Amino acid sequence: MSYRRDIRNSRSAIFDDGLEEGGLRASSSYSHSINEHDNDKAIDSLQDRVIFLKRLTGDIHEEVESHNRLLDRMVCLHVFSSSNSPENNLWPFI
C-alpha cells in the first residue's frame, strides 16, 4: 500500500492533480490576482515593444526620405550636366 501511495504522491507532484488527491489549492481570487499581474506585465512588455517599433519605423522612414532626396538631386544633376548646351554647364556653381 505504501508503494501505491508513493506513486500517487509523485504523480501528484508531477501533474499537480491535488484536487483528486484532496490537496489544497490556492484560492481562485489569488490565482486571478496572479494572472492579472502576469497579464499586466505582458501588456507593459508589449507596449514597450510597440513604442520601440514605432520609433524604429519612423527612423527608417526619415532615412528613406533622405535617400530619396539625395537620389533626386543626383538624377537632376546628371540630367542637367549631360546636356550639351553651354548655358547648362553652370551646374557646379549652383
C-alpha atoms as a PDB file:
ATOM      1  CA  MET A   1       0.000   0.000   0.000  1.00  0.00           C
ATOM      2  CA  SER A   2       2.871   2.376   0.763  1.00  0.00           C
ATOM      3  CA  TYR A   3       4.262   1.838  -2.739  1.00  0.00           C
ATOM      4  CA  ARG A   4       0.924   2.831  -4.238  1.00  0.00           C
ATOM      5  CA  ARG A   5       0.764   5.979  -2.100  1.00  0.00           C
ATOM      6  CA  ASP A   6       4.288   6.944  -3.206  1.00  0.00           C
ATOM      7  CA  ILE A   7       3.261   6.598  -6.845  1.00  0.00           C
ATOM      8  CA  ARG A   8       0.206   8.784  -6.249  1.00  0.00           C
ATOM      9  CA  ASN A   9       2.303  11.384  -4.440  1.00  0.00           C
ATOM     10  CA  SER A  10       4.908  11.510  -7.189  1.00  0.00           C
ATOM     11  CA  ARG A  11       2.180  11.669  -9.847  1.00  0.00           C
ATOM     12  CA  SER A  12       0.510  14.469  -7.914  1.00  0.00           C
ATOM     13  CA  ALA A  13       3.786  16.370  -7.718  1.00  0.00           C
ATOM     14  CA  ILE A  14       4.397  15.956 -11.443  1.00  0.00           C
ATOM     15  CA  PHE A  15       0.903  16.620 -12.776  1.00  0.00           C
ATOM     16  CA  ASP A  16      -0.420  18.804  -9.949  1.00  0.00           C
ATOM     17  CA  ASP A  17      -3.703  16.962  -9.610  1.00  0.00           C
ATOM     18  CA  GLY A  18      -4.067  17.982  -5.990  1.00  0.00           C
ATOM     19  CA  LEU A  19      -7.852  18.164  -6.231  1.00  0.00           C
ATOM     20  CA  GLU A  20      -8.078  14.459  -6.986  1.00  0.00           C
ATOM     21  CA  GLU A  21      -5.851  13.699  -4.039  1.00  0.00           C
ATOM     22  CA  GLY A  22      -7.731  16.041  -1.711  1.00  0.00           C
ATOM     23  CA  GLY A  23      -4.847  18.518  -1.625  1.00  0.00           C
ATOM     24  CA  LEU A  24      -5.203  22.232  -1.115  1.00  0.00           C
ATOM     25  CA  ARG A  25      -5.144  24.686  -3.981  1.00  0.00           C
ATOM     26  CA  ALA A  26      -4.747  28.435  -3.992  1.00  0.00           C
ATOM     27  CA  SER A  27      -7.994  30.311  -3.860  1.00  0.00           C
ATOM     28  CA  SER A  28      -9.435  31.380  -7.191  1.00  0.00           C
ATOM     29  CA  SER A  29      -9.192  35.066  -6.238  1.00  0.00           C
ATOM     30  CA  TYR A  30      -5.480  34.620  -5.506  1.00  0.00           C
ATOM     31  CA  SER A  31      -4.959  32.821  -8.817  1.00  0.00           C
ATOM     32  CA  HIS A  32      -6.937  35.528 -10.578  1.00  0.00           C
ATOM     33  CA  SER A  33      -4.743  38.184  -8.966  1.00  0.00           C
ATOM     34  CA  ILE A  34      -1.592  36.400 -10.102  1.00  0.00           C
ATOM     35  CA  ASN A  35      -2.979  36.041 -13.629  1.00  0.00           C
ATOM     36  CA  GLU A  36      -3.902  39.726 -13.715  1.00  0.00           C
ATOM     37  CA  HIS A  37      -0.400  40.661 -12.558  1.00  0.00           C
ATOM     38  CA  ASP A  38       1.164  38.441 -15.248  1.00  0.00           C
ATOM     39  CA  ASN A  39      -1.148  39.936 -17.871  1.00  0.00           C
ATOM     40  CA  ASP A  40      -0.245  43.472 -16.793  1.00  0.00           C
ATOM     41  CA  LYS A  41       3.463  42.654 -17.079  1.00  0.00           C
ATOM     42  CA  ALA A  42       2.915  41.151 -20.536  1.00  0.00           C
ATOM     43  CA  ILE A  43       0.930  44.203 -21.655  1.00  0.00           C
ATOM     44  CA  ASP A  44       3.691  46.524 -20.430  1.00  0.00           C
ATOM     45  CA  SER A  45       6.265  44.464 -22.308  1.00  0.00           C
ATOM     46  CA  LEU A  46       4.192  44.558 -25.489  1.00  0.00           C
ATOM     47  CA  GLN A  47       3.650  48.289 -25.094  1.00  0.00           C
ATOM     48  CA  ASP A  48       7.412  48.831 -24.826  1.00  0.00           C
ATOM     49  CA  ARG A  49       7.940  46.759 -27.976  1.00  0.00           C
ATOM     50  CA  VAL A  50       5.272  48.692 -29.885  1.00  0.00           C
ATOM     51  CA  ILE A  51       6.834  52.017 -28.871  1.00  0.00           C
ATOM     52  CA  PHE A  52      10.260  50.773 -29.963  1.00  0.00           C
ATOM     53  CA  LEU A  53       8.953  49.506 -33.314  1.00  0.00           C
ATOM     54  CA  LYS A  54       7.071  52.757 -33.988  1.00  0.00           C
ATOM     55  CA  ARG A  55      10.232  54.730 -33.276  1.00  0.00           C
ATOM     56  CA  LEU A  56      12.279  52.397 -35.478  1.00  0.00           C
ATOM     57  CA  THR A  57       9.847  52.615 -38.402  1.00  0.00           C
ATOM     58  CA  GLY A  58       9.811  56.408 -38.060  1.00  0.00           C
ATOM     59  CA  ASP A  59      13.617  56.453 -38.229  1.00  0.00           C
ATOM     60  CA  ILE A  60      13.571  54.169 -41.273  1.00  0.00           C
ATOM     61  CA  HIS A  61      11.002  56.423 -42.955  1.00  0.00           C
ATOM     62  CA  GLU A  62      13.176  59.501 -42.359  1.00  0.00           C
ATOM     63  CA  GLU A  63      16.219  57.682 -43.725  1.00  0.00           C
ATOM     64  CA  VAL A  64      14.334  56.618 -46.861  1.00  0.00           C
ATOM     65  CA  GLU A  65      13.082  60.177 -47.392  1.00  0.00           C
ATOM     66  CA  SER A  66      16.634  61.488 -47.050  1.00  0.00           C
ATOM     67  CA  HIS A  67      17.980  58.949 -49.535  1.00  0.00           C
ATOM     68  CA  ASN A  68      15.184  59.729 -51.994  1.00  0.00           C
ATOM     69  CA  ARG A  69      16.019  63.445 -51.850  1.00  0.00           C
ATOM     70  CA  LEU A  70      19.690  62.663 -52.428  1.00  0.00           C
ATOM     71  CA  LEU A  71      18.866  60.425 -55.396  1.00  0.00           C
ATOM     72  CA  ASP A  72      16.560  63.074 -56.854  1.00  0.00           C
ATOM     73  CA  ARG A  73      19.361  65.654 -56.672  1.00  0.00           C
ATOM     74  CA  MET A  74      21.830  63.237 -58.238  1.00  0.00           C
ATOM     75  CA  VAL A  75      19.447  62.469 -61.116  1.00  0.00           C
ATOM     76  CA  CYS A  76      18.742  66.160 -61.680  1.00  0.00           C
ATOM     77  CA  LEU A  77      22.449  66.973 -61.702  1.00  0.00           C
ATOM     78  CA  HIS A  78      23.178  64.103 -64.072  1.00  0.00           C
ATOM     79  CA  VAL A  79      20.438  65.174 -66.486  1.00  0.00           C
ATOM     80  CA  PHE A  80      21.498  68.796 -66.188  1.00  0.00           C
ATOM     81  CA  SER A  81      25.201  68.056 -66.731  1.00  0.00           C
ATOM     82  CA  SER A  82      24.646  65.687 -69.651  1.00  0.00           C
ATOM     83  CA  SER A  83      23.051  68.432 -71.706  1.00  0.00           C
ATOM     84  CA  ASN A  84      25.326  69.753 -74.458  1.00  0.00           C
ATOM     85  CA  SER A  85      24.130  73.304 -74.238  1.00  0.00           C
ATOM     86  CA  PRO A  86      26.844  75.634 -72.883  1.00  0.00           C
ATOM     87  CA  GLU A  87      24.497  77.599 -70.606  1.00  0.00           C
ATOM     88  CA  ASN A  88      23.640  74.374 -68.758  1.00  0.00           C
ATOM     89  CA  ASN A  89      27.268  73.774 -67.861  1.00  0.00           C
ATOM     90  CA  LEU A  90      26.928  76.080 -64.869  1.00  0.00           C
ATOM     91  CA  TRP A  91      25.761  73.252 -62.590  1.00  0.00           C
ATOM     92  CA  PRO A  92      28.943  73.134 -60.455  1.00  0.00           C
ATOM     93  CA  PHE A  93      28.198  76.707 -59.374  1.00  0.00           C
ATOM     94  CA  ILE A  94      24.649  76.017 -58.220  1.00  0.00           C
END
